[in-house]
Amino acid sequence: MFTVFELLKTAAVNHARYRATRNEIANLPADIALDIGVFPADAERIAFEAVYGKAA
């Protein structure tokens, strides 16, 4: 069973991972982004799915 502290800690860690992932994707150079098929405009969606899983 999780305590409130553990839940808050997990939420904070996940949010930090989301922000870092989103920032990395958003700041990709255009040539690299095109090579791997990732568009910086989709950074929020991609980061969310990477950290939290597929949105419903």
N, C-alpha and C. Protein backbone atom coordinates (compact mmCIF):
# COMPACT_ATOMS: atom_id res chain seq x y z
N MET A 1 0.84 -1.17 0.00
CA MET A 1 0.00 0.00 0.00
C MET A 1 0.89 1.24 0.00
N PHE A 2 0.51 2.20 -0.84
CA PHE A 2 1.30 3.42 -0.95
C PHE A 2 0.86 4.45 0.08
N THR A 3 1.84 5.17 0.57
CA THR A 3 1.52 6.30 1.45
C THR A 3 1.36 7.54 0.59
N VAL A 4 0.81 8.57 1.16
CA VAL A 4 0.64 9.82 0.42
C VAL A 4 1.99 10.36 -0.02
N PHE A 5 2.99 10.23 0.84
CA PHE A 5 4.33 10.71 0.51
C PHE A 5 4.88 9.97 -0.71
N GLU A 6 4.71 8.66 -0.76
CA GLU A 6 5.21 7.88 -1.89
C GLU A 6 4.50 8.26 -3.18
N LEU A 7 3.19 8.49 -3.10
CA LEU A 7 2.44 8.90 -4.29
C LEU A 7 2.90 10.26 -4.79
N LEU A 8 3.12 11.20 -3.87
CA LEU A 8 3.60 12.52 -4.27
C LEU A 8 5.00 12.45 -4.85
N LYS A 9 5.84 11.64 -4.27
CA LYS A 9 7.20 11.48 -4.78
C LYS A 9 7.18 10.90 -6.18
N THR A 10 6.37 9.88 -6.40
CA THR A 10 6.26 9.26 -7.72
C THR A 10 5.73 10.26 -8.75
N ALA A 11 4.73 11.04 -8.37
CA ALA A 11 4.17 12.05 -9.27
C ALA A 11 5.22 13.09 -9.63
N ALA A 12 6.01 13.52 -8.65
CA ALA A 12 7.05 14.52 -8.90
C ALA A 12 8.14 13.97 -9.83
N VAL A 13 8.54 12.74 -9.61
CA VAL A 13 9.56 12.11 -10.46
C VAL A 13 9.04 11.97 -11.88
N ASN A 14 7.81 11.51 -12.03
CA ASN A 14 7.23 11.36 -13.37
C ASN A 14 7.11 12.70 -14.08
N HIS A 15 6.72 13.73 -13.36
CA HIS A 15 6.59 15.04 -13.99
C HIS A 15 7.96 15.57 -14.41
N ALA A 16 8.97 15.35 -13.62
CA ALA A 16 10.33 15.77 -13.98
C ALA A 16 10.80 15.02 -15.24
N ARG A 17 10.50 13.73 -15.31
CA ARG A 17 10.85 12.95 -16.51
C ARG A 17 10.10 13.47 -17.74
N TYR A 18 8.82 13.81 -17.55
CA TYR A 18 8.01 14.36 -18.64
C TYR A 18 8.62 15.66 -19.16
N ARG A 19 8.93 16.59 -18.24
CA ARG A 19 9.50 17.88 -18.64
C ARG A 19 10.82 17.72 -19.37
N ALA A 20 11.68 16.85 -18.84
CA ALA A 20 12.99 16.65 -19.48
C ALA A 20 12.83 16.06 -20.88
N THR A 21 11.95 15.08 -21.01
CA THR A 21 11.72 14.44 -22.31
C THR A 21 11.13 15.44 -23.29
N ARG A 22 10.12 16.20 -22.84
CA ARG A 22 9.48 17.20 -23.69
C ARG A 22 10.50 18.23 -24.18
N ASN A 23 11.36 18.69 -23.28
CA ASN A 23 12.35 19.70 -23.65
C ASN A 23 13.37 19.15 -24.64
N GLU A 24 13.79 17.91 -24.45
CA GLU A 24 14.74 17.30 -25.39
C GLU A 24 14.14 17.20 -26.78
N ILE A 25 12.90 16.75 -26.86
CA ILE A 25 12.26 16.59 -28.16
C ILE A 25 12.03 17.96 -28.80
N ALA A 26 11.56 18.91 -28.04
CA ALA A 26 11.28 20.24 -28.58
C ALA A 26 12.53 20.94 -29.08
N ASN A 27 13.68 20.59 -28.53
CA ASN A 27 14.93 21.26 -28.90
C ASN A 27 15.79 20.46 -29.87
N LEU A 28 15.22 19.41 -30.45
CA LEU A 28 15.97 18.64 -31.44
C LEU A 28 16.25 19.51 -32.67
N PRO A 29 17.45 19.40 -33.22
CA PRO A 29 17.71 20.09 -34.49
C PRO A 29 16.77 19.53 -35.56
N ALA A 30 16.35 20.37 -36.48
CA ALA A 30 15.37 19.98 -37.50
C ALA A 30 15.83 18.79 -38.32
N ASP A 31 17.11 18.73 -38.68
CA ASP A 31 17.57 17.63 -39.52
C ASP A 31 17.52 16.29 -38.78
N ILE A 32 17.84 16.28 -37.51
CA ILE A 32 17.77 15.04 -36.74
C ILE A 32 16.33 14.64 -36.50
N ALA A 33 15.48 15.61 -36.19
CA ALA A 33 14.06 15.32 -35.96
C ALA A 33 13.44 14.70 -37.20
N LEU A 34 13.75 15.23 -38.37
CA LEU A 34 13.19 14.67 -39.60
C LEU A 34 13.74 13.29 -39.88
N ASP A 35 15.01 13.06 -39.58
CA ASP A 35 15.62 11.75 -39.81
C ASP A 35 14.94 10.66 -38.99
N ILE A 36 14.55 10.97 -37.76
CA ILE A 36 13.94 9.95 -36.90
C ILE A 36 12.42 10.02 -36.90
N GLY A 37 11.86 10.94 -37.67
CA GLY A 37 10.41 11.03 -37.80
C GLY A 37 9.70 11.61 -36.60
N VAL A 38 10.39 12.47 -35.86
CA VAL A 38 9.80 13.11 -34.69
C VAL A 38 9.69 14.60 -35.00
N PHE A 39 8.54 15.16 -34.72
CA PHE A 39 8.33 16.57 -34.99
C PHE A 39 8.26 17.32 -33.66
N PRO A 40 9.06 18.37 -33.51
CA PRO A 40 9.08 19.12 -32.25
C PRO A 40 7.69 19.61 -31.81
N ALA A 41 6.79 19.84 -32.73
CA ALA A 41 5.44 20.28 -32.36
C ALA A 41 4.68 19.19 -31.61
N ASP A 42 5.09 17.95 -31.77
CA ASP A 42 4.45 16.83 -31.08
C ASP A 42 5.15 16.47 -29.77
N ALA A 43 6.04 17.33 -29.29
CA ALA A 43 6.85 17.02 -28.12
C ALA A 43 6.01 16.70 -26.89
N GLU A 44 4.95 17.45 -26.65
CA GLU A 44 4.14 17.22 -25.45
C GLU A 44 3.46 15.85 -25.49
N ARG A 45 2.88 15.50 -26.64
CA ARG A 45 2.20 14.21 -26.77
C ARG A 45 3.18 13.05 -26.64
N ILE A 46 4.32 13.15 -27.32
CA ILE A 46 5.31 12.08 -27.28
C ILE A 46 5.85 11.90 -25.87
N ALA A 47 6.17 13.00 -25.20
CA ALA A 47 6.70 12.92 -23.84
C ALA A 47 5.67 12.34 -22.89
N PHE A 48 4.42 12.75 -23.02
CA PHE A 48 3.36 12.22 -22.15
C PHE A 48 3.24 10.71 -22.31
N GLU A 49 3.21 10.25 -23.56
CA GLU A 49 3.09 8.81 -23.81
C GLU A 49 4.32 8.05 -23.32
N ALA A 50 5.49 8.65 -23.43
CA ALA A 50 6.71 7.98 -22.98
C ALA A 50 6.74 7.80 -21.47
N VAL A 51 6.23 8.78 -20.74
CA VAL A 51 6.30 8.74 -19.28
C VAL A 51 5.09 8.07 -18.67
N TYR A 52 3.90 8.43 -19.14
CA TYR A 52 2.66 7.97 -18.49
C TYR A 52 1.95 6.85 -19.25
N GLY A 53 2.38 6.57 -20.46
CA GLY A 53 1.71 5.55 -21.25
C GLY A 53 0.74 6.20 -22.22
N LYS A 54 0.14 5.39 -23.04
CA LYS A 54 -0.79 5.87 -24.07
C LYS A 54 -2.00 6.55 -23.42
N ALA A 55 -2.35 7.73 -23.94
CA ALA A 55 -3.51 8.46 -23.43
C ALA A 55 -4.79 7.74 -23.84
N ALA A 56 -5.79 7.86 -23.01
CA ALA A 56 -7.05 7.17 -23.29
C ALA A 56 -7.83 7.82 -24.39
